[in-house]
Each structure stands twice: as C-alpha cells, then as structure tokens.
Amino acid sequence: MLSKLLITLLVMVVAVIYLRYRRRAANHSAASGRQSEQASGSTKVTAFLGQAEQMTQKQASRKNRLTILFWIVMTTILVSAMAWTLWSWREQQQELTILLHDSGSASPVVYRVRRKDLHDDFFITTDGVRVVVSQSERMEVIGL
C-alpha cells in the first residue's frame, strides 16, 4: 500500500517538474518574441504582433484556468486515494473471532485473528500462531 502511495507521489512530482519546465520555455520564447518585435519598425507588423499578444493573453488566461482545474482534479484524486487506502487498511486491521469446531470435541476452540491474516485453509492469530484448518474441522467466523 505504501509503495502505491509513493509511486503516485513520484508521478505527481514528475508532472509538476514537467509543467514548470514547459512554463519556463514558454516564457523564454515569449521574451525572445518581444525582442524581435522591438527590432521591426513596420506598423503592419506591430499591429499584427499586438493582435497576437492579445491572443496569447487569452490563451494564458485559459491556460491558467486549465492549470487550476488540473490541480483540483489531482488533489481530488490524491485525497480519494488516500481515503480509500486508509479505509482498506483499517478494514484489514479489524479483529475477528474464529470458532474452530472439531468433530471429536463438544466445545469449539476460540481464536482472535486480524482480517488480513484469515485465509481459506489457515489463519494466523494475533499472537502469531499459524493454525491450519483440517478437513474434519468446521470454522465459524464471527465479526464479518
């Protein structure tokens, strides 16, 4: 479980680094574009570049909205994954009572087991004892 969480965090860190790199590259290319605008003296070219700058401002505002949406979605995914992991971990830590009925004895043997340690033909008690259930025994689980 912890490895899944660490892999998720690693992917998120790589995505953040990639997005920052792209933003720096876009800012660098925009700065070089402004320098070329100052070099040209034609009014048609400056008018065209002014329209292009307005378009890039619109694109920048759209990009900011998409970035915010991206972070909201990523935060929602991360929080829901953490909540699901916590819920499943707590469920696996739940203690169950197992009554093991043997055909030769009248009273069952009682064991305390965590849910994660309960298997089809054996279980491991909270004390660390591995109990194998034979074919002639009947296992009754209380607390499921």
Protein backbone atom coordinates (compact mmCIF):
# COMPACT_ATOMS: atom_id res chain seq x y z
CA MET A 1 0.00 0.00 0.00
CA LEU A 2 2.77 2.40 0.89
CA SER A 3 4.56 1.63 -2.35
CA LYS A 4 1.44 2.58 -4.36
CA LEU A 5 1.25 5.89 -2.50
CA LEU A 6 4.93 6.60 -3.09
CA ILE A 7 4.62 5.80 -6.81
CA THR A 8 1.63 8.14 -7.05
CA LEU A 9 3.57 10.92 -5.34
CA LEU A 10 6.54 10.32 -7.64
CA VAL A 11 4.34 10.64 -10.72
CA MET A 12 2.88 13.87 -9.36
CA VAL A 13 6.34 15.34 -8.70
CA VAL A 14 7.49 14.45 -12.22
CA ALA A 15 4.33 16.07 -13.65
CA VAL A 16 4.93 19.26 -11.65
CA ILE A 17 8.56 19.45 -12.79
CA TYR A 18 7.47 18.90 -16.40
CA LEU A 19 4.81 21.61 -16.22
CA ARG A 20 7.25 24.10 -14.70
CA TYR A 21 9.78 23.33 -17.41
CA ARG A 22 7.17 23.95 -20.11
CA ARG A 23 6.12 27.23 -18.46
CA ARG A 24 9.75 28.45 -18.35
CA ALA A 25 10.23 27.51 -22.00
CA ALA A 26 7.05 29.38 -22.97
CA ASN A 27 8.13 32.46 -21.01
CA HIS A 28 11.57 32.33 -22.61
CA SER A 29 10.14 32.13 -26.13
CA ALA A 30 7.71 34.97 -25.35
CA ALA A 31 10.59 37.14 -24.14
CA SER A 32 12.58 36.48 -27.31
CA GLY A 33 9.45 37.31 -29.35
CA ARG A 34 9.19 40.71 -27.64
CA GLN A 35 12.81 41.50 -28.55
CA SER A 36 12.13 40.73 -32.20
CA GLU A 37 9.04 42.99 -32.05
CA GLN A 38 11.17 45.95 -30.99
CA ALA A 39 13.58 45.34 -33.85
CA SER A 40 10.90 45.60 -36.56
CA GLY A 41 9.74 49.11 -37.36
CA SER A 42 6.83 48.39 -39.65
CA THR A 43 3.37 49.45 -38.41
CA LYS A 44 1.65 46.47 -40.04
CA VAL A 45 3.97 44.09 -38.27
CA THR A 46 3.48 45.79 -34.92
CA ALA A 47 -0.31 45.74 -35.38
CA PHE A 48 -0.21 42.06 -36.21
CA LEU A 49 2.03 41.36 -33.22
CA GLY A 50 -0.34 43.37 -31.00
CA GLN A 51 -3.21 41.13 -32.08
CA ALA A 52 -1.05 38.08 -31.49
CA GLU A 53 -0.21 39.35 -28.00
CA GLN A 54 -3.92 39.74 -27.25
CA MET A 55 -4.44 36.16 -28.39
CA THR A 56 -1.61 34.94 -26.21
CA GLN A 57 -3.13 36.76 -23.23
CA LYS A 58 -6.41 34.94 -23.87
CA GLN A 59 -4.53 31.68 -24.20
CA ALA A 60 -2.64 32.44 -20.99
CA SER A 61 -5.87 33.04 -19.08
CA ARG A 62 -7.29 29.80 -20.49
CA LYS A 63 -4.07 28.02 -19.54
CA ASN A 64 -4.33 29.39 -16.00
CA ARG A 65 -7.89 28.10 -15.72
CA LEU A 66 -6.82 24.69 -17.03
CA THR A 67 -3.92 24.62 -14.59
CA ILE A 68 -6.24 25.35 -11.68
CA LEU A 69 -8.64 22.67 -12.90
CA PHE A 70 -5.75 20.23 -13.23
CA TRP A 71 -4.63 20.85 -9.64
CA ILE A 72 -8.19 20.49 -8.34
CA VAL A 73 -8.56 17.16 -10.14
CA MET A 74 -5.14 15.93 -8.97
CA THR A 75 -5.91 16.95 -5.37
CA THR A 76 -9.26 15.18 -5.52
CA ILE A 77 -7.65 12.03 -6.88
CA LEU A 78 -4.91 12.10 -4.25
CA VAL A 79 -7.31 12.70 -1.36
CA SER A 80 -9.69 9.99 -2.53
CA ALA A 81 -6.81 7.52 -3.00
CA MET A 82 -5.51 8.28 0.48
CA ALA A 83 -9.00 7.90 1.97
CA TRP A 84 -9.52 4.57 0.19
CA THR A 85 -6.10 3.33 1.33
CA LEU A 86 -6.82 4.32 4.92
CA TRP A 87 -10.26 2.69 4.80
CA SER A 88 -8.91 -0.59 3.40
CA TRP A 89 -6.04 -0.63 5.90
CA ARG A 90 -8.45 -0.11 8.81
CA GLU A 91 -10.68 -2.86 7.46
CA GLN A 92 -7.75 -5.27 7.24
CA GLN A 93 -6.79 -4.49 10.85
CA GLN A 94 -10.25 -5.43 12.14
CA GLU A 95 -10.12 -8.27 14.65
CA LEU A 96 -12.38 -11.25 14.14
CA THR A 97 -13.31 -14.12 16.42
CA ILE A 98 -12.96 -17.60 14.96
CA LEU A 99 -14.64 -20.64 16.48
CA LEU A 100 -13.00 -23.87 15.38
CA HIS A 101 -15.38 -26.82 15.80
CA ASP A 102 -13.80 -30.25 15.86
CA SER A 103 -15.95 -33.31 15.31
CA GLY A 104 -14.42 -35.02 18.37
CA SER A 105 -14.98 -32.24 20.96
CA ALA A 106 -18.17 -30.64 22.22
CA SER A 107 -16.89 -27.09 22.70
CA PRO A 108 -15.18 -25.03 20.00
CA VAL A 109 -11.72 -23.53 20.29
CA VAL A 110 -11.78 -19.69 20.18
CA TYR A 111 -9.13 -17.66 18.35
CA ARG A 112 -8.65 -13.90 17.73
CA VAL A 113 -7.50 -13.09 14.18
CA ARG A 114 -6.97 -9.95 12.10
CA ARG A 115 -8.94 -9.92 8.88
CA LYS A 116 -5.81 -9.73 6.72
CA ASP A 117 -4.47 -12.93 8.33
CA LEU A 118 -7.58 -15.01 7.58
CA HIS A 119 -7.22 -17.38 4.61
CA ASP A 120 -9.22 -20.31 3.24
CA ASP A 121 -7.44 -23.19 4.94
CA PHE A 122 -5.35 -21.47 7.61
CA PHE A 123 -5.15 -18.32 9.70
CA ILE A 124 -2.60 -16.54 11.86
CA THR A 125 -3.74 -15.47 15.32
CA THR A 126 -2.97 -12.12 16.93
CA ASP A 127 -0.34 -13.95 19.00
CA GLY A 128 1.43 -15.04 15.81
CA VAL A 129 0.39 -18.70 15.86
CA ARG A 130 -0.39 -20.23 12.46
CA VAL A 131 -3.40 -22.55 12.66
CA VAL A 132 -4.15 -24.90 9.77
CA VAL A 133 -7.79 -25.98 9.49
CA SER A 134 -8.20 -29.65 8.66
CA GLN A 135 -10.95 -31.19 6.55
CA SER A 136 -12.74 -32.57 9.61
CA GLU A 137 -12.94 -29.19 11.36
CA ARG A 138 -15.53 -26.52 10.83
CA MET A 139 -14.51 -22.86 11.02
CA GLU A 140 -17.04 -20.25 12.12
CA VAL A 141 -16.06 -16.59 11.68
CA ILE A 142 -17.75 -14.02 13.92
CA GLY A 143 -17.47 -10.34 13.06
CA LEU A 144 -17.59 -10.33 9.27
